[in-house]
Amino acid sequence: GIIGGAGYTGGEAVRLLINHPGVELAYVHSNSNGGNRVSDVHADL
């Protein structure tokens, strides 16, 4: 799980972990973006 996923380091963690063969990304938490698509904030995704 990622806490604080909307910033630069959170976005980089998402990019790495969704492609990591040993990981299931269970959630990306953000107090300011709840309900928004991750790809709406990190448009490259």
PDB file of all heavy atoms in Angstrom:
ATOM      1  N   GLY A   1       0.831  -1.191   0.000  1.00  0.00           N
ATOM      2  CA  GLY A   1       0.000   0.000   0.000  1.00  0.00           C
ATOM      3  C   GLY A   1       0.866   1.241   0.000  1.00  0.00           C
ATOM      4  O   GLY A   1       1.970   1.243   0.559  1.00  0.00           O
ATOM      5  N   ILE A   2       0.380   2.299  -0.640  1.00  0.00           N
ATOM      6  CA  ILE A   2       1.095   3.575  -0.700  1.00  0.00           C
ATOM      7  C   ILE A   2       0.268   4.637   0.009  1.00  0.00           C
ATOM      8  O   ILE A   2      -0.917   4.815  -0.302  1.00  0.00           O
ATOM      9  CB  ILE A   2       1.352   4.013  -2.154  1.00  0.00           C
ATOM     10  CG1 ILE A   2       2.263   3.005  -2.870  1.00  0.00           C
ATOM     11  CG2 ILE A   2       1.972   5.412  -2.196  1.00  0.00           C
ATOM     12  CD1 ILE A   2       2.431   3.303  -4.361  1.00  0.00           C
ATOM     13  N   ILE A   3       0.886   5.323   0.951  1.00  0.00           N
ATOM     14  CA  ILE A   3       0.264   6.468   1.622  1.00  0.00           C
ATOM     15  C   ILE A   3       0.887   7.739   1.046  1.00  0.00           C
ATOM     16  O   ILE A   3       2.112   7.896   1.068  1.00  0.00           O
ATOM     17  CB  ILE A   3       0.494   6.425   3.147  1.00  0.00           C
ATOM     18  CG1 ILE A   3       0.011   5.090   3.728  1.00  0.00           C
ATOM     19  CG2 ILE A   3      -0.184   7.612   3.826  1.00  0.00           C
ATOM     20  CD1 ILE A   3      -1.475   4.842   3.597  1.00  0.00           C
ATOM     21  N   GLY A   4       0.051   8.639   0.527  1.00  0.00           N
ATOM     22  CA  GLY A   4       0.565   9.859  -0.094  1.00  0.00           C
ATOM     23  C   GLY A   4       0.951   9.629  -1.536  1.00  0.00           C
ATOM     24  O   GLY A   4       2.078   9.922  -1.944  1.00  0.00           O
ATOM     25  N   GLY A   5       0.018   9.106  -2.332  1.00  0.00           N
ATOM     26  CA  GLY A   5       0.348   8.666  -3.684  1.00  0.00           C
ATOM     27  C   GLY A   5       0.240   9.720  -4.766  1.00  0.00           C
ATOM     28  O   GLY A   5       0.510   9.424  -5.926  1.00  0.00           O
ATOM     29  N   ALA A   6      -0.130  10.964  -4.419  1.00  0.00           N
ATOM     30  CA  ALA A   6      -0.363  11.967  -5.456  1.00  0.00           C
ATOM     31  C   ALA A   6       0.865  12.802  -5.794  1.00  0.00           C
ATOM     32  O   ALA A   6       0.876  13.488  -6.821  1.00  0.00           O
ATOM     33  CB  ALA A   6      -1.503  12.895  -5.037  1.00  0.00           C
ATOM     34  N   GLY A   7       1.902  12.771  -4.963  1.00  0.00           N
ATOM     35  CA  GLY A   7       3.093  13.574  -5.196  1.00  0.00           C
ATOM     36  C   GLY A   7       4.088  12.892  -6.121  1.00  0.00           C
ATOM     37  O   GLY A   7       3.825  11.825  -6.688  1.00  0.00           O
ATOM     38  N   TYR A   8       5.259  13.512  -6.253  1.00  0.00           N
ATOM     39  CA  TYR A   8       6.276  12.966  -7.152  1.00  0.00           C
ATOM     40  C   TYR A   8       6.769  11.590  -6.714  1.00  0.00           C
ATOM     41  O   TYR A   8       6.835  10.657  -7.512  1.00  0.00           O
ATOM     42  CB  TYR A   8       7.455  13.936  -7.263  1.00  0.00           C
ATOM     43  CG  TYR A   8       7.184  15.185  -8.059  1.00  0.00           C
ATOM     44  CD1 TYR A   8       7.661  16.415  -7.622  1.00  0.00           C
ATOM     45  CD2 TYR A   8       6.473  15.142  -9.252  1.00  0.00           C
ATOM     46  CE1 TYR A   8       7.423  17.582  -8.348  1.00  0.00           C
ATOM     47  CE2 TYR A   8       6.231  16.300  -9.978  1.00  0.00           C
ATOM     48  CZ  TYR A   8       6.707  17.518  -9.530  1.00  0.00           C
ATOM     49  OH  TYR A   8       6.474  18.657 -10.250  1.00  0.00           O
ATOM     50  N   THR A   9       7.138  11.446  -5.434  1.00  0.00           N
ATOM     51  CA  THR A   9       7.661  10.147  -4.991  1.00  0.00           C
ATOM     52  C   THR A   9       6.554   9.096  -4.982  1.00  0.00           C
ATOM     53  O   THR A   9       6.801   7.938  -5.310  1.00  0.00           O
ATOM     54  CB  THR A   9       8.311  10.256  -3.596  1.00  0.00           C
ATOM     55  OG1 THR A   9       7.352  10.738  -2.647  1.00  0.00           O
ATOM     56  CG2 THR A   9       9.513  11.184  -3.625  1.00  0.00           C
ATOM     57  N   GLY A  10       5.324   9.499  -4.610  1.00  0.00           N
ATOM     58  CA  GLY A  10       4.217   8.558  -4.662  1.00  0.00           C
ATOM     59  C   GLY A  10       3.946   8.094  -6.075  1.00  0.00           C
ATOM     60  O   GLY A  10       3.717   6.901  -6.329  1.00  0.00           O
ATOM     61  N   GLY A  11       3.970   9.023  -7.025  1.00  0.00           N
ATOM     62  CA  GLY A  11       3.760   8.658  -8.424  1.00  0.00           C
ATOM     63  C   GLY A  11       4.835   7.720  -8.940  1.00  0.00           C
ATOM     64  O   GLY A  11       4.536   6.750  -9.656  1.00  0.00           O
ATOM     65  N   GLU A  12       6.082   7.983  -8.588  1.00  0.00           N
ATOM     66  CA  GLU A  12       7.156   7.086  -9.009  1.00  0.00           C
ATOM     67  C   GLU A  12       6.991   5.700  -8.392  1.00  0.00           C
ATOM     68  O   GLU A  12       7.237   4.684  -9.047  1.00  0.00           O
ATOM     69  CB  GLU A  12       8.521   7.664  -8.619  1.00  0.00           C
ATOM     70  CG  GLU A  12       8.964   8.846  -9.452  1.00  0.00           C
ATOM     71  CD  GLU A  12       9.193   8.488 -10.904  1.00  0.00           C
ATOM     72  OE1 GLU A  12      10.284   7.996 -11.244  1.00  0.00           O
ATOM     73  OE2 GLU A  12       8.269   8.689 -11.713  1.00  0.00           O
ATOM     74  N   ALA A  13       6.555   5.648  -7.129  1.00  0.00           N
ATOM     75  CA  ALA A  13       6.321   4.357  -6.493  1.00  0.00           C
ATOM     76  C   ALA A  13       5.221   3.586  -7.215  1.00  0.00           C
ATOM     77  O   ALA A  13       5.335   2.374  -7.439  1.00  0.00           O
ATOM     78  CB  ALA A  13       5.967   4.552  -5.019  1.00  0.00           C
ATOM     79  N   VAL A  14       4.143   4.277  -7.598  1.00  0.00           N
ATOM     80  CA  VAL A  14       3.072   3.615  -8.350  1.00  0.00           C
ATOM     81  C   VAL A  14       3.612   3.063  -9.658  1.00  0.00           C
ATOM     82  O   VAL A  14       3.356   1.901 -10.015  1.00  0.00           O
ATOM     83  CB  VAL A  14       1.905   4.592  -8.627  1.00  0.00           C
ATOM     84  CG1 VAL A  14       0.883   3.940  -9.557  1.00  0.00           C
ATOM     85  CG2 VAL A  14       1.235   5.010  -7.330  1.00  0.00           C
ATOM     86  N   ARG A  15       4.362   3.863 -10.409  1.00  0.00           N
ATOM     87  CA  ARG A  15       4.894   3.431 -11.707  1.00  0.00           C
ATOM     88  C   ARG A  15       5.736   2.168 -11.570  1.00  0.00           C
ATOM     89  O   ARG A  15       5.664   1.259 -12.390  1.00  0.00           O
ATOM     90  CB  ARG A  15       5.741   4.549 -12.325  1.00  0.00           C
ATOM     91  CG  ARG A  15       4.937   5.761 -12.739  1.00  0.00           C
ATOM     92  CD  ARG A  15       5.814   6.869 -13.300  1.00  0.00           C
ATOM     93  NE  ARG A  15       5.013   8.056 -13.544  1.00  0.00           N
ATOM     94  CZ  ARG A  15       4.885   9.075 -12.695  1.00  0.00           C
ATOM     95  NH1 ARG A  15       5.560   9.062 -11.550  1.00  0.00           N
ATOM     96  NH2 ARG A  15       4.119  10.101 -12.979  1.00  0.00           N
ATOM     97  N   LEU A  16       6.545   2.123 -10.529  1.00  0.00           N
ATOM     98  CA  LEU A  16       7.408   0.957 -10.322  1.00  0.00           C
ATOM     99  C   LEU A  16       6.615  -0.260  -9.870  1.00  0.00           C
ATOM    100  O   LEU A  16       6.824  -1.376 -10.360  1.00  0.00           O
ATOM    101  CB  LEU A  16       8.489   1.294  -9.287  1.00  0.00           C
ATOM    102  CG  LEU A  16       9.523   2.336  -9.705  1.00  0.00           C
ATOM    103  CD1 LEU A  16      10.378   2.731  -8.509  1.00  0.00           C
ATOM    104  CD2 LEU A  16      10.403   1.821 -10.837  1.00  0.00           C
ATOM    105  N   LEU A  17       5.688  -0.054  -8.945  1.00  0.00           N
ATOM    106  CA  LEU A  17       5.032  -1.197  -8.305  1.00  0.00           C
ATOM    107  C   LEU A  17       3.961  -1.842  -9.173  1.00  0.00           C
ATOM    108  O   LEU A  17       3.734  -3.058  -9.069  1.00  0.00           O
ATOM    109  CB  LEU A  17       4.456  -0.771  -6.955  1.00  0.00           C
ATOM    110  CG  LEU A  17       5.519  -0.386  -5.916  1.00  0.00           C
ATOM    111  CD1 LEU A  17       4.875   0.217  -4.682  1.00  0.00           C
ATOM    112  CD2 LEU A  17       6.382  -1.587  -5.525  1.00  0.00           C
ATOM    113  N   ILE A  18       3.280  -1.084 -10.046  1.00  0.00           N
ATOM    114  CA  ILE A  18       2.281  -1.726 -10.909  1.00  0.00           C
ATOM    115  C   ILE A  18       2.949  -2.618 -11.956  1.00  0.00           C
ATOM    116  O   ILE A  18       2.297  -3.490 -12.539  1.00  0.00           O
ATOM    117  CB  ILE A  18       1.348  -0.708 -11.598  1.00  0.00           C
ATOM    118  CG1 ILE A  18       2.123   0.226 -12.516  1.00  0.00           C
ATOM    119  CG2 ILE A  18       0.526   0.050 -10.569  1.00  0.00           C
ATOM    120  CD1 ILE A  18       1.225   1.138 -13.352  1.00  0.00           C
ATOM    121  N   ASN A  19       4.246  -2.421 -12.181  1.00  0.00           N
ATOM    122  CA  ASN A  19       4.991  -3.247 -13.138  1.00  0.00           C
ATOM    123  C   ASN A  19       5.944  -4.232 -12.467  1.00  0.00           C
ATOM    124  O   ASN A  19       6.718  -4.902 -13.152  1.00  0.00           O
ATOM    125  CB  ASN A  19       5.777  -2.339 -14.090  1.00  0.00           C
ATOM    126  CG  ASN A  19       4.881  -1.544 -15.012  1.00  0.00           C
ATOM    127  OD1 ASN A  19       4.122  -2.111 -15.789  1.00  0.00           O
ATOM    128  ND2 ASN A  19       4.945  -0.215 -14.921  1.00  0.00           N
ATOM    129  N   HIS A  20       5.905  -4.297 -11.136  1.00  0.00           N
ATOM    130  CA  HIS A  20       6.809  -5.168 -10.391  1.00  0.00           C
ATOM    131  C   HIS A  20       6.226  -6.581 -10.364  1.00  0.00           C
ATOM    132  O   HIS A  20       5.107  -6.788  -9.884  1.00  0.00           O
ATOM    133  CB  HIS A  20       6.962  -4.627  -8.968  1.00  0.00           C
ATOM    134  CG  HIS A  20       8.067  -5.246  -8.186  1.00  0.00           C
ATOM    135  ND1 HIS A  20       8.097  -6.582  -7.842  1.00  0.00           N
ATOM    136  CD2 HIS A  20       9.211  -4.700  -7.658  1.00  0.00           C
ATOM    137  CE1 HIS A  20       9.188  -6.838  -7.143  1.00  0.00           C
ATOM    138  NE2 HIS A  20       9.875  -5.701  -7.028  1.00  0.00           N
ATOM    139  N   PRO A  21       6.959  -7.576 -10.865  1.00  0.00           N
ATOM    140  CA  PRO A  21       6.394  -8.926 -10.962  1.00  0.00           C
ATOM    141  C   PRO A  21       6.149  -9.607  -9.626  1.00  0.00           C
ATOM    142  O   PRO A  21       5.411 -10.604  -9.568  1.00  0.00           O
ATOM    143  CB  PRO A  21       7.454  -9.690 -11.768  1.00  0.00           C
ATOM    144  CG  PRO A  21       8.722  -8.934 -11.561  1.00  0.00           C
ATOM    145  CD  PRO A  21       8.326  -7.492 -11.427  1.00  0.00           C
ATOM    146  N   GLY A  22       6.728  -9.071  -8.546  1.00  0.00           N
ATOM    147  CA  GLY A  22       6.552  -9.698  -7.244  1.00  0.00           C
ATOM    148  C   GLY A  22       5.571  -8.978  -6.344  1.00  0.00           C
ATOM    149  O   GLY A  22       5.466  -9.308  -5.160  1.00  0.00           O
ATOM    150  N   VAL A  23       4.820  -7.987  -6.895  1.00  0.00           N
ATOM    151  CA  VAL A  23       4.002  -7.108  -6.065  1.00  0.00           C
ATOM    152  C   VAL A  23       2.557  -7.071  -6.556  1.00  0.00           C
ATOM    153  O   VAL A  23       2.290  -7.051  -7.766  1.00  0.00           O
ATOM    154  CB  VAL A  23       4.585  -5.674  -6.060  1.00  0.00           C
ATOM    155  CG1 VAL A  23       3.591  -4.654  -5.536  1.00  0.00           C
ATOM    156  CG2 VAL A  23       5.864  -5.634  -5.237  1.00  0.00           C
ATOM    157  N   GLU A  24       1.635  -7.037  -5.609  1.00  0.00           N
ATOM    158  CA  GLU A  24       0.248  -6.657  -5.860  1.00  0.00           C
ATOM    159  C   GLU A  24       0.019  -5.324  -5.150  1.00  0.00           C
ATOM    160  O   GLU A  24       0.130  -5.252  -3.919  1.00  0.00           O
ATOM    161  CB  GLU A  24      -0.717  -7.703  -5.311  1.00  0.00           C
ATOM    162  CG  GLU A  24      -2.176  -7.311  -5.452  1.00  0.00           C
ATOM    163  CD  GLU A  24      -3.118  -8.248  -4.726  1.00  0.00           C
ATOM    164  OE1 GLU A  24      -2.683  -9.343  -4.317  1.00  0.00           O
ATOM    165  OE2 GLU A  24      -4.294  -7.865  -4.535  1.00  0.00           O
ATOM    166  N   LEU A  25      -0.273  -4.287  -5.914  1.00  0.00           N
ATOM    167  CA  LEU A  25      -0.517  -2.973  -5.328  1.00  0.00           C
ATOM    168  C   LEU A  25      -1.957  -2.932  -4.838  1.00  0.00           C
ATOM    169  O   LEU A  25      -2.903  -2.892  -5.634  1.00  0.00           O
ATOM    170  CB  LEU A  25      -0.244  -1.863  -6.344  1.00  0.00           C
ATOM    171  CG  LEU A  25      -0.321  -0.424  -5.827  1.00  0.00           C
ATOM    172  CD1 LEU A  25       0.621  -0.204  -4.651  1.00  0.00           C
ATOM    173  CD2 LEU A  25      -0.005   0.572  -6.945  1.00  0.00           C
ATOM    174  N   ALA A  26      -2.133  -2.940  -3.517  1.00  0.00           N
ATOM    175  CA  ALA A  26      -3.464  -3.078  -2.919  1.00  0.00           C
ATOM    176  C   ALA A  26      -4.228  -1.770  -2.921  1.00  0.00           C
ATOM    177  O   ALA A  26      -5.457  -1.760  -3.088  1.00  0.00           O
ATOM    178  CB  ALA A  26      -3.330  -3.609  -1.492  1.00  0.00           C
ATOM    179  N   TYR A  27      -3.547  -0.641  -2.700  1.00  0.00           N
ATOM    180  CA  TYR A  27      -4.220   0.658  -2.694  1.00  0.00           C
ATOM    181  C   TYR A  27      -3.190   1.767  -2.823  1.00  0.00           C
ATOM    182  O   TYR A  27      -2.001   1.585  -2.529  1.00  0.00           O
ATOM    183  CB  TYR A  27      -5.050   0.868  -1.415  1.00  0.00           C
ATOM    184  CG  TYR A  27      -4.268   0.786  -0.122  1.00  0.00           C
ATOM    185  CD1 TYR A  27      -3.486   1.853   0.333  1.00  0.00           C
ATOM    186  CD2 TYR A  27      -4.301  -0.365   0.659  1.00  0.00           C
ATOM    187  CE1 TYR A  27      -2.774   1.780   1.511  1.00  0.00           C
ATOM    188  CE2 TYR A  27      -3.590  -0.453   1.842  1.00  0.00           C
ATOM    189  CZ  TYR A  27      -2.832   0.616   2.264  1.00  0.00           C
ATOM    190  OH  TYR A  27      -2.110   0.538   3.435  1.00  0.00           O
ATOM    191  N   VAL A  28      -3.687   2.920  -3.295  1.00  0.00           N
ATOM    192  CA  VAL A  28      -2.900   4.154  -3.327  1.00  0.00           C
ATOM    193  C   VAL A  28      -3.737   5.200  -2.597  1.00  0.00           C
ATOM    194  O   VAL A  28      -4.802   5.605  -3.088  1.00  0.00           O
ATOM    195  CB  VAL A  28      -2.585   4.607  -4.760  1.00  0.00           C
ATOM    196  CG1 VAL A  28      -1.694   5.848  -4.728  1.00  0.00           C
ATOM    197  CG2 VAL A  28      -1.921   3.492  -5.554  1.00  0.00           C
ATOM    198  N   HIS A  29      -3.283   5.622  -1.437  1.00  0.00           N
ATOM    199  CA  HIS A  29      -4.065   6.502  -0.568  1.00  0.00           C
ATOM    200  C   HIS A  29      -3.664   7.952  -0.813  1.00  0.00           C
ATOM    201  O   HIS A  29      -2.490   8.286  -0.973  1.00  0.00           O
ATOM    202  CB  HIS A  29      -3.815   6.138   0.897  1.00  0.00           C
ATOM    203  CG  HIS A  29      -4.724   6.833   1.860  1.00  0.00           C
ATOM    204  ND1 HIS A  29      -4.490   8.117   2.310  1.00  0.00           N
ATOM    205  CD2 HIS A  29      -5.878   6.421   2.460  1.00  0.00           C
ATOM    206  CE1 HIS A  29      -5.457   8.464   3.153  1.00  0.00           C
ATOM    207  NE2 HIS A  29      -6.313   7.456   3.258  1.00  0.00           N
ATOM    208  N   SER A  30      -4.684   8.833  -0.855  1.00  0.00           N
ATOM    209  CA  SER A  30      -4.434  10.272  -0.966  1.00  0.00           C
ATOM    210  C   SER A  30      -5.571  11.011  -0.298  1.00  0.00           C
ATOM    211  O   SER A  30      -6.738  10.819  -0.664  1.00  0.00           O
ATOM    212  CB  SER A  30      -4.330  10.697  -2.438  1.00  0.00           C
ATOM    213  OG  SER A  30      -4.315  12.106  -2.559  1.00  0.00           O
ATOM    214  N   ASN A  31      -5.256  11.863   0.652  1.00  0.00           N
ATOM    215  CA  ASN A  31      -6.297  12.647   1.322  1.00  0.00           C
ATOM    216  C   ASN A  31      -6.962  13.640   0.376  1.00  0.00           C
ATOM    217  O   ASN A  31      -8.129  13.979   0.542  1.00  0.00           O
ATOM    218  CB  ASN A  31      -5.701  13.396   2.521  1.00  0.00           C
ATOM    219  CG  ASN A  31      -5.334  12.475   3.658  1.00  0.00           C
ATOM    220  OD1 ASN A  31      -6.000  11.467   3.900  1.00  0.00           O
ATOM    221  ND2 ASN A  31      -4.261  12.811   4.374  1.00  0.00           N
ATOM    222  N   SER A  32      -6.221  14.112  -0.624  1.00  0.00           N
ATOM    223  CA  SER A  32      -6.726  15.171  -1.496  1.00  0.00           C
ATOM    224  C   SER A  32      -7.350  14.661  -2.783  1.00  0.00           C
ATOM    225  O   SER A  32      -7.979  15.443  -3.520  1.00  0.00           O
ATOM    226  CB  SER A  32      -5.594  16.149  -1.843  1.00  0.00           C
ATOM    227  OG  SER A  32      -4.525  15.474  -2.480  1.00  0.00           O
ATOM    228  N   ASN A  33      -7.189  13.372  -3.096  1.00  0.00           N
ATOM    229  CA  ASN A  33      -7.642  12.863  -4.392  1.00  0.00           C
ATOM    230  C   ASN A  33      -8.525  11.629  -4.292  1.00  0.00           C
ATOM    231  O   ASN A  33      -8.669  10.895  -5.276  1.00  0.00           O
ATOM    232  CB  ASN A  33      -6.426  12.542  -5.277  1.00  0.00           C
ATOM    233  CG  ASN A  33      -5.820  13.782  -5.887  1.00  0.00           C
ATOM    234  OD1 ASN A  33      -6.320  14.304  -6.880  1.00  0.00           O
ATOM    235  ND2 ASN A  33      -4.735  14.263  -5.282  1.00  0.00           N
ATOM    236  N   GLY A  34      -9.109  11.381  -3.123  1.00  0.00           N
ATOM    237  CA  GLY A  34      -9.940  10.210  -2.961  1.00  0.00           C
ATOM    238  C   GLY A  34     -11.002  10.103  -4.040  1.00  0.00           C
ATOM    239  O   GLY A  34     -11.739  11.054  -4.300  1.00  0.00           O
ATOM    240  N   GLY A  35     -11.095   8.939  -4.700  1.00  0.00           N
ATOM    241  CA  GLY A  35     -12.074   8.696  -5.744  1.00  0.00           C
ATOM    242  C   GLY A  35     -11.597   9.027  -7.139  1.00  0.00           C
ATOM    243  O   GLY A  35     -12.163   8.541  -8.127  1.00  0.00           O
ATOM    244  N   ASN A  36     -10.561   9.831  -7.257  1.00  0.00           N
ATOM    245  CA  ASN A  36     -10.032  10.179  -8.579  1.00  0.00           C
ATOM    246  C   ASN A  36      -9.199   9.035  -9.142  1.00  0.00           C
ATOM    247  O   ASN A  36      -8.562   8.289  -8.398  1.00  0.00           O
ATOM    248  CB  ASN A  36      -9.154  11.435  -8.505  1.00  0.00           C
ATOM    249  CG  ASN A  36      -9.943  12.667  -8.135  1.00  0.00           C
ATOM    250  OD1 ASN A  36     -11.137  12.741  -8.381  1.00  0.00           O
ATOM    251  ND2 ASN A  36      -9.264  13.639  -7.531  1.00  0.00           N
ATOM    252  N   ARG A  37      -9.208   8.925 -10.456  1.00  0.00           N
ATOM    253  CA  ARG A  37      -8.341   7.935 -11.093  1.00  0.00           C
ATOM    254  C   ARG A  37      -6.869   8.314 -10.862  1.00  0.00           C
ATOM    255  O   ARG A  37      -6.507   9.487 -10.948  1.00  0.00           O
ATOM    256  CB  ARG A  37      -8.603   7.852 -12.592  1.00  0.00           C
ATOM    257  CG  ARG A  37      -9.954   7.255 -12.976  1.00  0.00           C
ATOM    258  CD  ARG A  37     -10.071   7.181 -14.491  1.00  0.00           C
ATOM    259  NE  ARG A  37     -11.400   6.744 -14.884  1.00  0.00           N
ATOM    260  CZ  ARG A  37     -11.773   5.469 -14.989  1.00  0.00           C
ATOM    261  NH1 ARG A  37     -10.890   4.503 -14.728  1.00  0.00           N
ATOM    262  NH2 ARG A  37     -12.998   5.162 -15.353  1.00  0.00           N
ATOM    263  N   VAL A  38      -6.053   7.321 -10.593  1.00  0.00           N
ATOM    264  CA  VAL A  38      -4.616   7.572 -10.452  1.00  0.00           C
ATOM    265  C   VAL A  38      -4.070   8.199 -11.733  1.00  0.00           C
ATOM    266  O   VAL A  38      -3.239   9.107 -11.696  1.00  0.00           O
ATOM    267  CB  VAL A  38      -3.873   6.263 -10.106  1.00  0.00           C
ATOM    268  CG1 VAL A  38      -2.360   6.449 -10.190  1.00  0.00           C
ATOM    269  CG2 VAL A  38      -4.273   5.774  -8.714  1.00  0.00           C
ATOM    270  N   SER A  39      -4.570   7.750 -12.881  1.00  0.00           N
ATOM    271  CA  SER A  39      -4.076   8.267 -14.157  1.00  0.00           C
ATOM    272  C   SER A  39      -4.552   9.685 -14.448  1.00  0.00           C
ATOM    273  O   SER A  39      -4.052  10.335 -15.373  1.00  0.00           O
ATOM    274  CB  SER A  39      -4.486   7.340 -15.303  1.00  0.00           C
ATOM    275  OG  SER A  39      -5.893   7.222 -15.378  1.00  0.00           O
ATOM    276  N   ASP A  40      -5.533  10.201 -13.680  1.00  0.00           N
ATOM    277  CA  ASP A  40      -5.918  11.600 -13.838  1.00  0.00           C
ATOM    278  C   ASP A  40      -4.891  12.529 -13.192  1.00  0.00           C
ATOM    279  O   ASP A  40      -4.745  13.685 -13.603  1.00  0.00           O
ATOM    280  CB  ASP A  40      -7.295  11.861 -13.219  1.00  0.00           C
ATOM    281  CG  ASP A  40      -8.425  11.281 -14.053  1.00  0.00           C
ATOM    282  OD1 ASP A  40      -8.182  10.955 -15.233  1.00  0.00           O
ATOM    283  OD2 ASP A  40      -9.543  11.130 -13.515  1.00  0.00           O
ATOM    284  N   VAL A  41      -4.209  12.035 -12.177  1.00  0.00           N
ATOM    285  CA  VAL A  41      -3.161  12.814 -11.507  1.00  0.00           C
ATOM    286  C   VAL A  41      -1.805  12.530 -12.145  1.00  0.00           C
ATOM    287  O   VAL A  41      -1.039  13.455 -12.447  1.00  0.00           O
ATOM    288  CB  VAL A  41      -3.130  12.496  -9.999  1.00  0.00           C
ATOM    289  CG1 VAL A  41      -1.955  13.197  -9.319  1.00  0.00           C
ATOM    290  CG2 VAL A  41      -4.448  12.926  -9.351  1.00  0.00           C
ATOM    291  N   HIS A  42      -1.503  11.260 -12.363  1.00  0.00           N
ATOM    292  CA  HIS A  42      -0.258  10.850 -13.023  1.00  0.00           C
ATOM    293  C   HIS A  42      -0.628  10.445 -14.451  1.00  0.00           C
ATOM    294  O   HIS A  42      -0.849   9.271 -14.750  1.00  0.00           O
ATOM    295  CB  HIS A  42       0.391   9.702 -12.259  1.00  0.00           C
ATOM    296  CG  HIS A  42       0.652  10.012 -10.814  1.00  0.00           C
ATOM    297  ND1 HIS A  42       1.478  11.043 -10.421  1.00  0.00           N
ATOM    298  CD2 HIS A  42       0.173   9.448  -9.670  1.00  0.00           C
ATOM    299  CE1 HIS A  42       1.511  11.092  -9.096  1.00  0.00           C
ATOM    300  NE2 HIS A  42       0.730  10.145  -8.622  1.00  0.00           N
ATOM    301  N   ALA A  43      -0.703  11.453 -15.344  1.00  0.00           N
ATOM    302  CA  ALA A  43      -1.325  11.271 -16.655  1.00  0.00           C
ATOM    303  C   ALA A  43      -0.589  10.255 -17.527  1.00  0.00           C
ATOM    304  O   ALA A  43      -1.189   9.655 -18.423  1.00  0.00           O
ATOM    305  CB  ALA A  43      -1.405  12.617 -17.372  1.00  0.00           C
ATOM    306  N   ASP A  44       0.701  10.040 -17.282  1.00  0.00           N
ATOM    307  CA  ASP A  44       1.451   9.075 -18.073  1.00  0.00           C
ATOM    308  C   ASP A  44       1.000   7.643 -17.815  1.00  0.00           C
ATOM    309  O   ASP A  44       1.343   6.729 -18.573  1.00  0.00           O
ATOM    310  CB  ASP A  44       2.944   9.188 -17.752  1.00  0.00           C
ATOM    311  CG  ASP A  44       3.227   9.017 -16.275  1.00  0.00           C
ATOM    312  OD1 ASP A  44       2.806   9.901 -15.496  1.00  0.00           O
ATOM    313  OD2 ASP A  44       3.846   8.010 -15.890  1.00  0.00           O
ATOM    314  N   LEU A  45       0.208   7.414 -16.759  1.00  0.00           N
ATOM    315  CA  LEU A  45      -0.256   6.066 -16.432  1.00  0.00           C
ATOM    316  C   LEU A  45      -1.581   5.723 -17.104  1.00  0.00           C
ATOM    317  O   LEU A  45      -2.130   4.643 -16.869  1.00  0.00           O
ATOM    318  CB  LEU A  45      -0.387   5.913 -14.914  1.00  0.00           C
ATOM    319  CG  LEU A  45       0.933   5.948 -14.146  1.00  0.00           C
ATOM    320  CD1 LEU A  45       0.684   5.827 -12.648  1.00  0.00           C
ATOM    321  CD2 LEU A  45       1.869   4.838 -14.615  1.00  0.00           C
TER     322      LEU A  45
END
